[in-house]
C-alpha atoms as a PDB file:
ATOM      1  CA  MET A   1      10.053  -3.430  -5.403  1.00  0.00           C
ATOM      2  CA  LYS A   2      11.681  -0.117  -4.735  1.00  0.00           C
ATOM      3  CA  ASP A   3       9.519   2.949  -5.170  1.00  0.00           C
ATOM      4  CA  GLN A   4      10.905   5.392  -8.041  1.00  0.00           C
ATOM      5  CA  SER A   5       7.632   7.744  -7.525  1.00  0.00           C
ATOM      6  CA  ASN A   6       8.556   9.395  -3.945  1.00  0.00           C
ATOM      7  CA  ALA A   7       5.268   8.819  -3.179  1.00  0.00           C
ATOM      8  CA  PHE A   8       6.520   6.307  -0.575  1.00  0.00           C
ATOM      9  CA  ASN A   9       9.903   8.249   0.028  1.00  0.00           C
ATOM     10  CA  GLY A  10      11.949   5.529  -2.271  1.00  0.00           C
ATOM     11  CA  ASN A  11      10.915   2.805   0.296  1.00  0.00           C
ATOM     12  CA  GLU A  12      10.322  -0.748  -0.856  1.00  0.00           C
ATOM     13  CA  ILE A  13       6.799  -1.361  -1.591  1.00  0.00           C
ATOM     14  CA  SER A  14       4.755  -4.390  -2.548  1.00  0.00           C
ATOM     15  CA  PHE A  15       1.097  -4.223  -3.573  1.00  0.00           C
ATOM     16  CA  THR A  16      -1.743  -6.759  -4.477  1.00  0.00           C
ATOM     17  CA  GLU A  17      -4.674  -5.776  -7.039  1.00  0.00           C
ATOM     18  CA  LEU A  18      -8.279  -5.364  -5.564  1.00  0.00           C
ATOM     19  CA  ASN A  19      -9.611  -4.248  -9.298  1.00  0.00           C
ATOM     20  CA  SER A  20      -8.210  -2.878 -12.324  1.00  0.00           C
ATOM     21  CA  GLU A  21      -7.571   0.545 -10.614  1.00  0.00           C
ATOM     22  CA  HIS A  22      -7.475   0.037  -6.889  1.00  0.00           C
ATOM     23  CA  PHE A  23      -4.689  -1.458  -4.734  1.00  0.00           C
ATOM     24  CA  LEU A  24      -3.237  -2.424  -1.268  1.00  0.00           C
ATOM     25  CA  ILE A  25       0.247  -1.221  -0.967  1.00  0.00           C
ATOM     26  CA  PHE A  26       2.705  -2.302   1.901  1.00  0.00           C
ATOM     27  CA  GLU A  27       5.276  -0.075   2.444  1.00  0.00           C
ATOM     28  CA  LYS A  28       8.472  -1.074   4.176  1.00  0.00           C
ATOM     29  CA  GLU A  29      10.058   1.823   6.056  1.00  0.00           C
ATOM     30  CA  GLN A  30      13.144   0.723   7.758  1.00  0.00           C
ATOM     31  CA  ASP A  31      11.802  -1.990  10.251  1.00  0.00           C
ATOM     32  CA  VAL A  32       7.844  -0.945  10.025  1.00  0.00           C
ATOM     33  CA  PHE A  33       5.316  -1.582   7.629  1.00  0.00           C
ATOM     34  CA  ASN A  34       2.350   0.945   6.527  1.00  0.00           C
ATOM     35  CA  LEU A  35      -0.733  -0.299   4.724  1.00  0.00           C
ATOM     36  CA  TYR A  36      -2.459   1.975   2.082  1.00  0.00           C
ATOM     37  CA  VAL A  37      -5.326   1.943  -0.334  1.00  0.00           C
ATOM     38  CA  SER A  38      -4.495   3.507  -3.495  1.00  0.00           C
ATOM     39  CA  LYS A  39      -5.985   4.372  -7.081  1.00  0.00           C
ATOM     40  CA  TYR A  40      -3.705   4.226 -10.092  1.00  0.00           C
ATOM     41  CA  SER A  41      -5.276   4.302 -13.664  1.00  0.00           C
ATOM     42  CA  LYS A  42      -2.760   1.286 -14.272  1.00  0.00           C
ATOM     43  CA  LYS A  43      -0.703  -1.117 -12.329  1.00  0.00           C
ATOM     44  CA  SER A  44       2.224  -0.524 -14.086  1.00  0.00           C
ATOM     45  CA  ASP A  45       2.251   3.348 -12.382  1.00  0.00           C
ATOM     46  CA  ILE A  46       2.418   1.608  -9.242  1.00  0.00           C
ATOM     47  CA  GLY A  47       5.987   2.620  -7.713  1.00  0.00           C
ATOM     48  CA  ASN A  48       6.770   4.912 -10.836  1.00  0.00           C
ATOM     49  CA  LYS A  49       4.165   7.444 -10.724  1.00  0.00           C
ATOM     50  CA  PRO A  50       2.156   8.891  -7.695  1.00  0.00           C
ATOM     51  CA  ALA A  51      -1.261   7.661  -6.945  1.00  0.00           C
ATOM     52  CA  GLU A  52      -4.401   9.418  -8.140  1.00  0.00           C
ATOM     53  CA  ILE A  53      -5.782   8.610  -4.408  1.00  0.00           C
ATOM     54  CA  LEU A  54      -3.472   7.212  -1.526  1.00  0.00           C
ATOM     55  CA  GLU A  55      -4.959   6.489   1.678  1.00  0.00           C
ATOM     56  CA  LEU A  56      -3.151   5.359   4.917  1.00  0.00           C
ATOM     57  CA  LEU A  57      -5.156   2.486   6.498  1.00  0.00           C
ATOM     58  CA  VAL A  58      -2.499   1.593   8.997  1.00  0.00           C
ATOM     59  CA  SER A  59       0.628   2.962  10.392  1.00  0.00           C
ATOM     60  CA  ASP A  60       3.254   0.481  11.772  1.00  0.00           C
ATOM     61  CA  TYR A  61       1.264  -2.516  10.679  1.00  0.00           C
ATOM     62  CA  ASP A  62       1.433  -5.413  13.139  1.00  0.00           C
ATOM     63  CA  MET A  63      -0.015  -8.883  12.416  1.00  0.00           C
ATOM     64  CA  SER A  64      -0.503  -9.954  15.811  1.00  0.00           C
ATOM     65  CA  ASN A  65      -3.140  -6.690  16.199  1.00  0.00           C
ATOM     66  CA  PRO A  66      -7.027  -7.702  15.765  1.00  0.00           C
ATOM     67  CA  GLU A  67      -7.756  -4.357  14.650  1.00  0.00           C
ATOM     68  CA  HIS A  68      -4.724  -4.365  11.982  1.00  0.00           C
ATOM     69  CA  ARG A  69      -5.978  -7.606  10.546  1.00  0.00           C
ATOM     70  CA  ILE A  70      -9.537  -6.411   9.920  1.00  0.00           C
ATOM     71  CA  ALA A  71      -8.444  -3.221   8.087  1.00  0.00           C
ATOM     72  CA  LEU A  72      -6.648  -5.431   5.631  1.00  0.00           C
ATOM     73  CA  ARG A  73      -9.306  -8.362   5.634  1.00  0.00           C
ATOM     74  CA  ARG A  74     -12.113  -5.096   4.957  1.00  0.00           C
ATOM     75  CA  TYR A  75     -10.631  -4.904   1.265  1.00  0.00           C
ATOM     76  CA  LEU A  76      -9.440  -8.633   0.851  1.00  0.00           C
ATOM     77  CA  GLY A  77     -12.762 -10.114   1.869  1.00  0.00           C
END
């Protein structure tokens, strides 16, 4: 989905729900992916309103990098 909130500079984003208020978000910035953990009051706010909390976990995410996969697994279990 395209970010309309400008929290991700209008870039494409995708997300997965950790619980009703916390989400992992991948942002595609040209050919680079950035991984964030975020807090929104409701899922429909993602991409439409700025997050209450937004923390960059991994910049320039690379699946072949074990540290990046560990950061992702830490939240997904």
